[in-house]
Amino acid sequence: MREREPGLRHAEAHRVRLDVATGVCVFTQEVGGTHAGNGHDLRLEAVDEPMPDELFETKRSGLLRRLRNR
């Protein structure tokens, strides 16, 4: 990274916020350094709502599907 940004200074610290109900990190912000103020911010849309099982199934390749259906 320093080759691309020779003057890069790492953040001195990070501000972090966690959602207390879920433990999910919902906010970060770099304090100091070259990219001070950068980070992320997210909003949780739903917690513990029913979701279809299809969202969590893994796709199987054709070979595995054929072996499973024997």
C-alpha atoms as a PDB file:
ATOM      1  CA  MET A   1       0.000   0.000   0.000  1.00  0.00           C
ATOM      2  CA  ARG A   2       2.813   2.418   0.781  1.00  0.00           C
ATOM      3  CA  GLU A   3       4.120   1.998  -2.774  1.00  0.00           C
ATOM      4  CA  ARG A   4       0.841   3.441  -4.056  1.00  0.00           C
ATOM      5  CA  GLU A   5       0.551   6.051  -1.284  1.00  0.00           C
ATOM      6  CA  PRO A   6       4.056   7.011  -0.137  1.00  0.00           C
ATOM      7  CA  GLY A   7       2.769   9.553   2.418  1.00  0.00           C
ATOM      8  CA  LEU A   8       0.276   7.129   3.977  1.00  0.00           C
ATOM      9  CA  ARG A   9      -0.195   7.551   7.717  1.00  0.00           C
ATOM     10  CA  HIS A  10      -2.263   4.928   9.523  1.00  0.00           C
ATOM     11  CA  ALA A  11      -5.144   6.010  11.740  1.00  0.00           C
ATOM     12  CA  GLU A  12      -4.254   6.846  15.328  1.00  0.00           C
ATOM     13  CA  ALA A  13      -7.512   5.266  16.528  1.00  0.00           C
ATOM     14  CA  HIS A  14     -10.964   4.199  15.322  1.00  0.00           C
ATOM     15  CA  ARG A  15     -14.409   5.158  16.580  1.00  0.00           C
ATOM     16  CA  VAL A  16     -16.615   2.068  16.634  1.00  0.00           C
ATOM     17  CA  ARG A  17     -20.312   1.645  17.416  1.00  0.00           C
ATOM     18  CA  LEU A  18     -21.954  -1.711  18.042  1.00  0.00           C
ATOM     19  CA  ASP A  19     -25.663  -2.434  18.038  1.00  0.00           C
ATOM     20  CA  VAL A  20     -26.243  -3.730  21.575  1.00  0.00           C
ATOM     21  CA  ALA A  21     -29.122  -6.019  20.594  1.00  0.00           C
ATOM     22  CA  THR A  22     -27.248  -7.846  17.802  1.00  0.00           C
ATOM     23  CA  GLY A  23     -23.544  -7.199  18.417  1.00  0.00           C
ATOM     24  CA  VAL A  24     -23.201  -5.997  14.815  1.00  0.00           C
ATOM     25  CA  CYS A  25     -20.702  -3.229  14.088  1.00  0.00           C
ATOM     26  CA  VAL A  26     -22.833  -0.422  12.639  1.00  0.00           C
ATOM     27  CA  PHE A  27     -20.305   2.426  12.455  1.00  0.00           C
ATOM     28  CA  THR A  28     -16.550   2.963  12.174  1.00  0.00           C
ATOM     29  CA  GLN A  29     -14.526   6.106  11.609  1.00  0.00           C
ATOM     30  CA  GLU A  30     -10.765   6.609  11.333  1.00  0.00           C
ATOM     31  CA  VAL A  31      -9.319   9.157  13.769  1.00  0.00           C
ATOM     32  CA  GLY A  32      -6.167  10.841  12.504  1.00  0.00           C
ATOM     33  CA  GLY A  33      -3.975   9.534   9.732  1.00  0.00           C
ATOM     34  CA  THR A  34      -4.193  10.092   6.001  1.00  0.00           C
ATOM     35  CA  HIS A  35      -7.816   8.960   5.694  1.00  0.00           C
ATOM     36  CA  ALA A  36      -9.224  10.601   8.840  1.00  0.00           C
ATOM     37  CA  GLY A  37     -13.018  10.524   8.817  1.00  0.00           C
ATOM     38  CA  ASN A  38     -13.293   7.498   6.505  1.00  0.00           C
ATOM     39  CA  GLY A  39     -15.231   4.483   7.688  1.00  0.00           C
ATOM     40  CA  HIS A  40     -18.647   2.930   7.262  1.00  0.00           C
ATOM     41  CA  ASP A  41     -22.150   3.429   8.558  1.00  0.00           C
ATOM     42  CA  LEU A  42     -24.959   0.916   8.184  1.00  0.00           C
ATOM     43  CA  ARG A  43     -28.567   0.603   9.227  1.00  0.00           C
ATOM     44  CA  LEU A  44     -30.081  -2.697  10.324  1.00  0.00           C
ATOM     45  CA  GLU A  45     -33.315  -3.191   8.407  1.00  0.00           C
ATOM     46  CA  ALA A  46     -34.640  -6.207  10.299  1.00  0.00           C
ATOM     47  CA  VAL A  47     -33.731  -8.562  13.123  1.00  0.00           C
ATOM     48  CA  ASP A  48     -35.163 -12.033  13.739  1.00  0.00           C
ATOM     49  CA  GLU A  49     -37.699 -11.820  10.926  1.00  0.00           C
ATOM     50  CA  PRO A  50     -38.689 -15.046   9.181  1.00  0.00           C
ATOM     51  CA  MET A  51     -36.782 -15.612   5.945  1.00  0.00           C
ATOM     52  CA  PRO A  52     -37.239 -18.331   3.326  1.00  0.00           C
ATOM     53  CA  ASP A  53     -34.910 -21.335   3.666  1.00  0.00           C
ATOM     54  CA  GLU A  54     -33.912 -20.946  -0.003  1.00  0.00           C
ATOM     55  CA  LEU A  55     -31.787 -17.928   0.954  1.00  0.00           C
ATOM     56  CA  PHE A  56     -29.516 -20.171   3.021  1.00  0.00           C
ATOM     57  CA  GLU A  57     -29.182 -23.226   0.788  1.00  0.00           C
ATOM     58  CA  THR A  58     -25.875 -23.803  -0.943  1.00  0.00           C
ATOM     59  CA  LYS A  59     -25.857 -24.324  -4.675  1.00  0.00           C
ATOM     60  CA  ARG A  60     -24.587 -27.763  -5.632  1.00  0.00           C
ATOM     61  CA  SER A  61     -22.688 -28.512  -8.781  1.00  0.00           C
ATOM     62  CA  GLY A  62     -24.205 -30.858 -11.327  1.00  0.00           C
ATOM     63  CA  LEU A  63     -21.997 -33.768 -10.203  1.00  0.00           C
ATOM     64  CA  LEU A  64     -22.974 -33.431  -6.546  1.00  0.00           C
ATOM     65  CA  ARG A  65     -26.648 -33.128  -7.456  1.00  0.00           C
ATOM     66  CA  ARG A  66     -26.496 -36.301  -9.563  1.00  0.00           C
ATOM     67  CA  LEU A  67     -24.730 -38.220  -6.776  1.00  0.00           C
ATOM     68  CA  ARG A  68     -27.261 -37.053  -4.208  1.00  0.00           C
ATOM     69  CA  ASN A  69     -30.221 -38.104  -6.381  1.00  0.00           C
ATOM     70  CA  ARG A  70     -29.009 -41.710  -6.894  1.00  0.00           C
END
